[in-house]
């Protein structure tokens, strides 16, 4: 079932059976279950499915029972991601998609699958600034802040730590290039010097040549805009082995327990940032996650919860699972005015919507949608201490 009966239609069909409550609404979860961020992805999927479970457990979702359907975007293979998204729509019959996870494949799915089929996508982690201006027919949203904002945050953190010169390396794709450009622009705008900005390829066995060029250029610190499970890890290993750098600035793609599991205290003193909030909702979500047995501080786990919650609340507000009908409700339920909604209150939000009221979904990340359907942006600062990432602040 795609639509609720209107009151008028219901009155005209008094002899018809009551609205079935066992209809299934399928939601695609298209993330990089294999590839360079696979260590992050399980937590992201768990976060999204946690919101779906909360919606189902409330018994208040008016369109049926919600069923998550996972699919692998691989993060780096646009053809595979496109095929996976097509299967979600044509074979699995999903109403909308949470994802994709990485910027390049997200753009491919948006243009090749979502737009032609008129399907809403909400990405919890695709951060390329290029997506802000992508042609999307009003179908694309994201709960993670753009890397335009992350570049500014990195520049601020470096300046506060007295860093004047940086060497910069980035994974050679849309995410890496967009983030590197943002970092360089923001850092130079405040008087810093980027001695080199060089791409690296994922999947190599040896990064000594890349480290040779970076070390030759010099810098107070090496900024690694890469992936913790791929070339970014290789860059760090080569830098340590060569004695070229021993401290690293780590953007969001590098903030994964897989990195500290690999290097431990070898990278103590390195620091970075990832989307996150110390808001009331963030604290509540952490408590809920702890009780449920998963880590709320995992990369983009909270953003994934918010993506699923926003999608389903918008469907409820529209009384429809048709993207053309609920897409305009996403920003409406995300922002004021309305009753503030925190994690754990999705059932109450559905009750308010059913009564014709307004909600302001605050969620796990204090989400506020601006511009072209994207998060205004909050970041959690981390530092590696005693071989583990520790939260040291928020921005």
Protein backbone atom coordinates (compact mmCIF):
# COMPACT_ATOMS: atom_id res chain seq x y z
CA UNK A 1 0.00 0.00 0.00
CA UNK A 2 1.38 3.38 -0.97
CA UNK A 3 -1.25 5.79 0.38
CA UNK A 4 -3.57 6.18 3.32
CA UNK A 5 -7.22 6.58 2.41
CA UNK A 6 -8.34 10.18 2.84
CA UNK A 7 -11.28 10.89 5.15
CA UNK A 8 -13.49 11.60 2.15
CA UNK A 9 -12.54 8.38 0.43
CA UNK A 10 -13.08 6.42 3.62
CA UNK A 11 -16.55 7.89 4.05
CA UNK A 12 -17.41 6.91 0.50
CA UNK A 13 -16.32 3.33 1.07
CA UNK A 14 -18.17 2.45 4.24
CA UNK A 15 -18.69 -1.08 3.06
CA UNK A 16 -15.01 -1.63 2.35
CA UNK A 17 -12.75 -3.61 4.70
CA UNK A 18 -10.81 -1.68 7.36
CA UNK A 19 -7.34 -0.42 6.44
CA UNK A 20 -4.90 -3.32 6.73
CA UNK A 21 -2.21 -2.85 9.35
CA UNK A 22 0.08 -5.64 8.18
CA UNK A 23 1.26 -3.86 5.04
CA UNK A 24 5.04 -3.81 4.69
CA UNK A 25 6.97 -0.65 3.89
CA UNK A 26 10.45 -1.56 2.72
CA UNK A 27 13.33 0.87 3.21
CA UNK A 28 16.67 0.30 1.47
CA UNK A 29 19.87 0.60 3.49
CA UNK A 30 22.54 1.10 0.84
CA UNK A 31 25.95 1.29 2.52
CA UNK A 32 29.52 0.15 1.93
CA UNK A 33 29.34 -3.26 3.60
CA UNK A 34 32.48 -4.16 1.68
CA UNK A 35 35.29 -1.81 0.72
CA UNK A 36 37.28 0.95 2.41
CA UNK A 37 34.80 1.85 5.18
CA UNK A 38 33.39 -1.59 5.95
CA UNK A 39 34.54 -1.32 9.58
CA UNK A 40 32.24 1.70 9.98
CA UNK A 41 29.25 0.42 8.07
CA UNK A 42 27.84 -2.17 10.46
CA UNK A 43 27.36 0.50 13.11
CA UNK A 44 25.70 2.79 10.58
CA UNK A 45 23.25 0.08 9.51
CA UNK A 46 22.55 -0.74 13.15
CA UNK A 47 21.77 2.92 13.84
CA UNK A 48 19.28 3.11 10.97
CA UNK A 49 17.65 -0.19 11.89
CA UNK A 50 17.42 0.93 15.53
CA UNK A 51 15.20 3.85 14.47
CA UNK A 52 13.12 1.52 12.30
CA UNK A 53 12.66 -0.86 15.23
CA UNK A 54 11.60 2.05 17.46
CA UNK A 55 9.01 3.11 14.87
CA UNK A 56 7.66 -0.44 14.59
CA UNK A 57 7.63 -1.01 18.35
CA UNK A 58 5.56 2.14 18.86
CA UNK A 59 2.69 0.71 16.84
CA UNK A 60 1.93 4.24 15.65
CA UNK A 61 3.27 4.19 12.11
CA UNK A 62 0.14 4.58 9.98
CA UNK A 63 1.41 2.96 6.79
CA UNK A 64 2.23 -0.54 8.00
CA UNK A 65 5.28 -2.40 9.30
CA UNK A 66 8.67 -1.09 8.23
CA UNK A 67 11.22 -3.59 6.93
CA UNK A 68 14.87 -2.64 6.30
CA UNK A 69 16.56 -4.18 3.26
CA UNK A 70 20.35 -4.02 3.14
CA UNK A 71 22.40 -3.66 -0.04
CA UNK A 72 26.12 -3.15 -0.62
CA UNK A 73 27.29 0.04 -2.37
CA UNK A 74 30.97 -1.03 -1.93
CA UNK A 75 31.73 2.68 -1.41
CA UNK A 76 34.06 2.84 -4.43
CA UNK A 77 32.44 0.96 -7.33
CA UNK A 78 29.80 3.19 -8.96
CA UNK A 79 28.57 0.42 -11.26
CA UNK A 80 28.09 -1.99 -8.35
CA UNK A 81 26.36 0.67 -6.27
CA UNK A 82 24.04 1.55 -9.15
CA UNK A 83 23.17 -2.10 -9.70
CA UNK A 84 22.51 -2.60 -5.98
CA UNK A 85 20.22 0.44 -5.89
CA UNK A 86 18.34 -0.78 -8.96
CA UNK A 87 17.77 -4.16 -7.29
CA UNK A 88 16.46 -2.45 -4.17
CA UNK A 89 13.84 -0.65 -6.25
CA UNK A 90 12.91 -3.21 -8.89
CA UNK A 91 13.33 -6.51 -7.00
CA UNK A 92 12.88 -5.57 -3.36
CA UNK A 93 10.33 -2.82 -3.91
CA UNK A 94 11.78 -0.30 -1.46
CA UNK A 95 9.96 3.00 -1.05
CA UNK A 96 13.14 5.02 -0.37
CA UNK A 97 16.85 4.60 0.30
CA UNK A 98 19.04 5.41 3.28
CA UNK A 99 22.45 5.94 1.72
CA UNK A 100 24.68 5.70 -0.02
CA UNK A 101 27.65 5.95 2.29
CA UNK A 102 30.45 7.43 0.17
CA UNK A 103 30.23 10.54 -1.97
CA UNK A 104 31.19 9.20 -5.40
CA UNK A 105 28.79 6.27 -5.41
CA UNK A 106 26.11 8.43 -3.82
CA UNK A 107 26.28 10.83 -6.75
CA UNK A 108 26.12 7.93 -9.20
CA UNK A 109 23.09 6.38 -7.52
CA UNK A 110 21.37 9.76 -7.33
CA UNK A 111 21.75 10.49 -11.03
CA UNK A 112 21.38 6.97 -12.44
CA UNK A 113 18.76 5.45 -10.17
CA UNK A 114 17.07 7.80 -7.70
CA UNK A 115 16.21 10.63 -10.10
CA UNK A 116 14.98 8.42 -12.97
CA UNK A 117 12.78 6.47 -10.54
CA UNK A 118 11.74 9.45 -8.40
CA UNK A 119 13.07 7.86 -5.19
CA UNK A 120 14.16 9.79 -2.08
CA UNK A 121 17.69 9.21 -0.75
CA UNK A 122 18.94 10.34 2.67
CA UNK A 123 22.67 9.77 3.10
CA UNK A 124 24.08 9.63 6.62
CA UNK A 125 27.71 10.02 5.49
CA UNK A 126 28.22 11.29 1.94
CA UNK A 127 30.02 14.56 2.60
CA UNK A 128 31.40 15.89 -0.71
CA UNK A 129 30.66 19.60 -1.20
CA UNK A 130 29.80 18.81 -4.83
CA UNK A 131 26.61 17.10 -3.66
CA UNK A 132 25.31 20.42 -2.34
CA UNK A 133 24.76 21.63 -5.90
CA UNK A 134 23.85 18.33 -7.55
CA UNK A 135 20.70 18.19 -9.65
CA UNK A 136 18.42 16.15 -7.42
CA UNK A 137 14.78 17.08 -8.17
CA UNK A 138 14.36 17.61 -4.43
CA UNK A 139 15.02 13.92 -3.74
CA UNK A 140 18.41 14.02 -2.00
CA UNK A 141 19.10 14.85 1.64
CA UNK A 142 21.95 14.18 4.06
CA UNK A 143 22.25 14.13 7.82
CA UNK A 144 26.06 14.43 7.78
CA UNK A 145 27.56 17.90 7.32
CA UNK A 146 29.30 18.81 4.07
CA UNK A 147 33.07 18.69 3.87
CA UNK A 148 32.96 22.41 3.15
CA UNK A 149 32.19 22.71 6.86
CA UNK A 150 34.69 20.01 7.87
CA UNK A 151 37.48 21.87 6.06
CA UNK A 152 36.72 24.96 8.13
CA UNK A 153 36.73 22.93 11.34
CA UNK A 154 40.08 21.32 10.48
CA UNK A 155 41.60 24.72 9.75
CA UNK A 156 40.34 26.03 13.09
CA UNK A 157 41.74 23.05 15.00
CA UNK A 158 45.13 23.30 13.29
CA UNK A 159 45.39 27.01 14.04
CA UNK A 160 44.48 26.49 17.69
CA UNK A 161 47.22 23.86 17.96
CA UNK A 162 49.80 26.23 16.49
CA UNK A 163 50.22 24.39 13.19
CA UNK A 164 51.48 26.70 10.44
CA UNK A 165 52.39 24.25 7.67
CA UNK A 166 50.73 21.01 6.62
CA UNK A 167 51.38 18.27 4.09
CA UNK A 168 48.10 16.95 2.73
CA UNK A 169 47.25 13.65 1.05
CA UNK A 170 43.84 12.52 -0.08
CA UNK A 171 42.19 9.46 -1.54
CA UNK A 172 41.75 9.95 -5.26
CA UNK A 173 37.97 10.18 -5.51
CA UNK A 174 35.13 12.69 -5.09
CA UNK A 175 35.25 12.54 -1.31
CA UNK A 176 39.02 12.93 -1.02
CA UNK A 177 39.41 15.68 -3.62
CA UNK A 178 36.46 17.70 -2.32
CA UNK A 179 37.68 17.49 1.26
CA UNK A 180 41.30 18.29 0.34
CA UNK A 181 40.23 21.38 -1.59
CA UNK A 182 38.11 22.50 1.36
CA UNK A 183 40.95 21.98 3.84
CA UNK A 184 43.47 23.84 1.67
CA UNK A 185 41.13 26.76 1.02
CA UNK A 186 40.21 27.21 4.69
CA UNK A 187 43.75 26.72 6.01
CA UNK A 188 45.31 29.15 3.54
CA UNK A 189 42.57 31.70 4.19
CA UNK A 190 43.74 31.93 7.79
CA UNK A 191 47.41 32.27 6.83
CA UNK A 192 48.54 28.65 6.88
CA UNK A 193 50.70 26.99 4.24
CA UNK A 194 49.96 23.75 2.43
CA UNK A 195 53.36 22.46 1.33
CA UNK A 196 51.86 19.76 -0.90
CA UNK A 197 48.41 18.38 -1.73
CA UNK A 198 48.81 14.97 -3.35
CA UNK A 199 46.38 12.20 -4.21
CA UNK A 200 46.95 8.58 -3.26
CA UNK A 201 45.29 5.51 -4.74
CA UNK A 202 43.57 2.92 -2.59
CA UNK A 203 44.54 -0.72 -2.76
CA UNK A 204 48.32 -0.36 -3.06
CA UNK A 205 50.73 -2.57 -1.16
CA UNK A 206 53.45 0.09 -0.89
CA UNK A 207 53.07 3.84 -0.26
CA UNK A 208 56.75 4.65 0.20
CA UNK A 209 56.86 6.77 -2.98
CA UNK A 210 53.92 8.88 -1.81
CA UNK A 211 55.52 9.35 1.60
CA UNK A 212 58.80 10.32 -0.04
CA UNK A 213 57.09 13.21 -1.85
CA UNK A 214 55.15 14.29 1.23
CA UNK A 215 58.22 14.19 3.47
CA UNK A 216 60.26 16.13 0.92
CA UNK A 217 57.67 18.91 0.91
CA UNK A 218 57.62 18.94 4.70
CA UNK A 219 55.09 20.24 7.17
CA UNK A 220 54.31 20.35 10.87
CA UNK A 221 51.82 17.51 10.47
CA UNK A 222 50.45 15.18 7.79
CA UNK A 223 46.72 15.50 7.07
CA UNK A 224 45.38 12.18 5.75
CA UNK A 225 42.04 12.62 3.99
CA UNK A 226 41.62 8.94 3.24
CA UNK A 227 39.99 5.73 4.46
CA UNK A 228 40.94 3.92 7.64
CA UNK A 229 40.49 0.52 6.01
CA UNK A 230 42.34 1.34 2.80
CA UNK A 231 44.99 3.73 1.46
CA UNK A 232 44.81 6.05 4.44
CA UNK A 233 45.99 3.24 6.67
CA UNK A 234 48.76 2.43 4.19
CA UNK A 235 49.91 6.06 4.17
CA UNK A 236 50.13 6.12 7.97
CA UNK A 237 52.08 2.84 8.02
CA UNK A 238 54.56 4.08 5.42
CA UNK A 239 55.01 7.42 7.20
CA UNK A 240 55.75 5.72 10.52
CA UNK A 241 58.12 3.19 8.96
CA UNK A 242 60.05 5.95 7.19
CA UNK A 243 60.13 8.21 10.23
CA UNK A 244 58.66 10.94 8.03
CA UNK A 245 55.69 11.87 10.26
CA UNK A 246 54.56 10.57 13.61
CA UNK A 247 51.50 12.75 14.17
CA UNK A 248 48.50 12.91 11.87
CA UNK A 249 45.40 15.01 11.39
CA UNK A 250 42.57 12.56 10.75
CA UNK A 251 39.39 13.62 8.95
CA UNK A 252 36.20 11.61 9.29
CA UNK A 253 37.11 8.75 6.92
CA UNK A 254 40.04 7.90 9.18
CA UNK A 255 38.23 8.00 12.53
CA UNK A 256 37.57 4.30 12.97
CA UNK A 257 38.51 1.81 15.65
CA UNK A 258 40.14 -0.23 12.90
CA UNK A 259 42.85 2.45 12.73
CA UNK A 260 43.65 2.35 16.43
CA UNK A 261 43.33 -1.45 16.44
CA UNK A 262 46.09 -1.46 13.82
CA UNK A 263 48.44 1.21 15.20
CA UNK A 264 47.60 1.56 18.87
CA UNK A 265 49.87 3.97 20.71
CA UNK A 266 52.09 4.41 17.62
CA UNK A 267 49.79 7.27 16.62
CA UNK A 268 49.21 8.75 20.08
CA UNK A 269 48.78 12.51 19.81
CA UNK A 270 47.13 12.32 16.41
CA UNK A 271 43.77 14.02 16.30
CA UNK A 272 40.73 14.46 14.11
CA UNK A 273 37.00 14.97 13.92
CA UNK A 274 33.83 13.28 12.77
CA UNK A 275 30.17 14.25 12.72
CA UNK A 276 28.70 14.24 16.20
CA UNK A 277 26.92 16.25 18.86
CA UNK A 278 26.90 16.56 22.65
CA UNK A 279 23.28 17.72 22.56
CA UNK A 280 20.60 16.31 24.84
CA UNK A 281 19.58 13.99 22.04
CA UNK A 282 23.13 12.78 21.58
CA UNK A 283 23.36 11.84 25.25
CA UNK A 284 19.99 10.08 25.12
CA UNK A 285 20.93 8.17 22.01
CA UNK A 286 24.18 7.02 23.62
CA UNK A 287 22.25 5.70 26.61
CA UNK A 288 19.74 3.93 24.37
CA UNK A 289 22.52 2.39 22.28
CA UNK A 290 24.39 1.21 25.36
CA UNK A 291 21.27 -0.52 26.63
CA UNK A 292 20.74 -2.11 23.22
CA UNK A 293 24.36 -3.28 23.04
CA UNK A 294 25.93 -1.14 20.33
CA UNK A 295 28.31 1.82 20.24
CA UNK A 296 26.61 5.17 19.62
CA UNK A 297 29.96 6.88 19.00
CA UNK A 298 30.71 4.78 15.91
CA UNK A 299 31.25 6.75 12.72
CA UNK A 300 27.94 8.14 11.45
CA UNK A 301 25.87 5.79 13.60
CA UNK A 302 23.84 8.66 15.05
CA UNK A 303 23.45 10.25 11.61
CA UNK A 304 22.08 6.94 10.33
CA UNK A 305 19.50 6.83 13.12
CA UNK A 306 18.46 10.36 12.22
CA UNK A 307 18.25 9.56 8.51
CA UNK A 308 15.86 6.67 9.11
CA UNK A 309 13.80 8.62 11.63
CA UNK A 310 13.42 11.64 9.35
CA UNK A 311 12.43 9.48 6.41
CA UNK A 312 9.70 7.63 8.28
CA UNK A 313 8.37 10.69 10.09
CA UNK A 314 8.10 12.49 6.75
CA UNK A 315 6.14 9.55 5.31
CA UNK A 316 3.79 9.68 8.29
CA UNK A 317 3.37 13.44 7.92
CA UNK A 318 2.50 13.03 4.24
CA UNK A 319 0.34 9.95 4.77
CA UNK A 320 2.20 8.32 1.90
CA UNK A 321 5.30 6.31 1.04
CA UNK A 322 5.45 7.92 -2.41
CA UNK A 323 8.63 10.00 -2.65
CA UNK A 324 6.87 12.70 -4.67
CA UNK A 325 4.46 13.19 -1.77
CA UNK A 326 6.71 12.91 1.29
CA UNK A 327 9.95 14.53 0.04
CA UNK A 328 8.74 18.02 0.89
CA UNK A 329 7.87 16.91 4.41
CA UNK A 330 11.46 15.95 5.30
CA UNK A 331 12.68 19.49 5.95
CA UNK A 332 9.33 20.34 7.51
CA UNK A 333 9.61 17.64 10.20
CA UNK A 334 13.35 18.29 10.69
CA UNK A 335 13.10 21.99 11.50
CA UNK A 336 11.10 24.35 13.71
CA UNK A 337 8.36 25.16 14.40
CA UNK A 338 6.98 22.17 16.21
CA UNK A 339 7.32 19.98 19.28
CA UNK A 340 11.02 19.05 19.75
CA UNK A 341 11.57 15.32 19.26
CA UNK A 342 14.53 13.48 20.78
CA UNK A 343 15.70 9.88 20.30
CA UNK A 344 13.29 7.51 21.98
CA UNK A 345 10.34 9.78 21.21
CA UNK A 346 9.53 8.62 17.68
CA UNK A 347 6.25 7.04 18.81
CA UNK A 348 5.17 10.33 20.40
CA UNK A 349 6.17 12.17 17.22
CA UNK A 350 3.89 9.88 15.21
CA UNK A 351 1.03 10.59 17.62
CA UNK A 352 1.52 14.36 17.22
CA UNK A 353 1.54 14.05 13.44
CA UNK A 354 -1.60 11.88 13.50
CA UNK A 355 -3.37 14.60 15.47
CA UNK A 356 -2.38 17.20 12.87
CA UNK A 357 0.38 18.78 14.98
CA UNK A 358 3.89 19.88 14.03
CA UNK A 359 7.20 18.39 15.14
CA UNK A 360 10.78 19.65 15.16
CA UNK A 361 12.94 16.54 14.94
CA UNK A 362 16.13 17.25 16.92
CA UNK A 363 17.31 13.66 17.03
CA UNK A 364 20.69 12.24 17.93
CA UNK A 365 22.74 14.93 16.16
CA UNK A 366 20.72 18.12 16.77
CA UNK A 367 19.86 17.96 13.09
CA UNK A 368 18.89 21.13 11.25
CA UNK A 369 18.46 20.99 7.48
CA UNK A 370 19.66 23.98 5.52
CA UNK A 371 20.13 24.93 1.89
CA UNK A 372 19.71 22.01 -0.44
CA UNK A 373 18.53 19.49 2.15
CA UNK A 374 21.74 19.05 4.12
CA UNK A 375 22.82 19.21 7.74
CA UNK A 376 24.07 22.50 9.15
CA UNK A 377 26.83 20.47 10.78
CA UNK A 378 28.17 19.44 14.18
CA UNK A 379 31.49 17.70 14.79
CA UNK A 380 33.00 15.60 17.56
CA UNK A 381 36.74 16.17 18.12
CA UNK A 382 38.88 13.15 18.96
CA UNK A 383 42.51 12.48 19.90
CA UNK A 384 44.40 9.20 20.05
CA UNK A 385 45.46 8.60 23.65
CA UNK A 386 46.92 5.34 24.90
CA UNK A 387 46.12 3.78 21.56
CA UNK A 388 42.43 4.68 21.51
CA UNK A 389 40.26 7.48 20.16
CA UNK A 390 39.00 9.71 22.97
CA UNK A 391 36.42 12.47 22.57
CA UNK A 392 37.93 15.81 23.58
CA UNK A 393 35.29 18.29 22.47
CA UNK A 394 32.57 19.32 20.04
CA UNK A 395 32.17 22.06 17.43
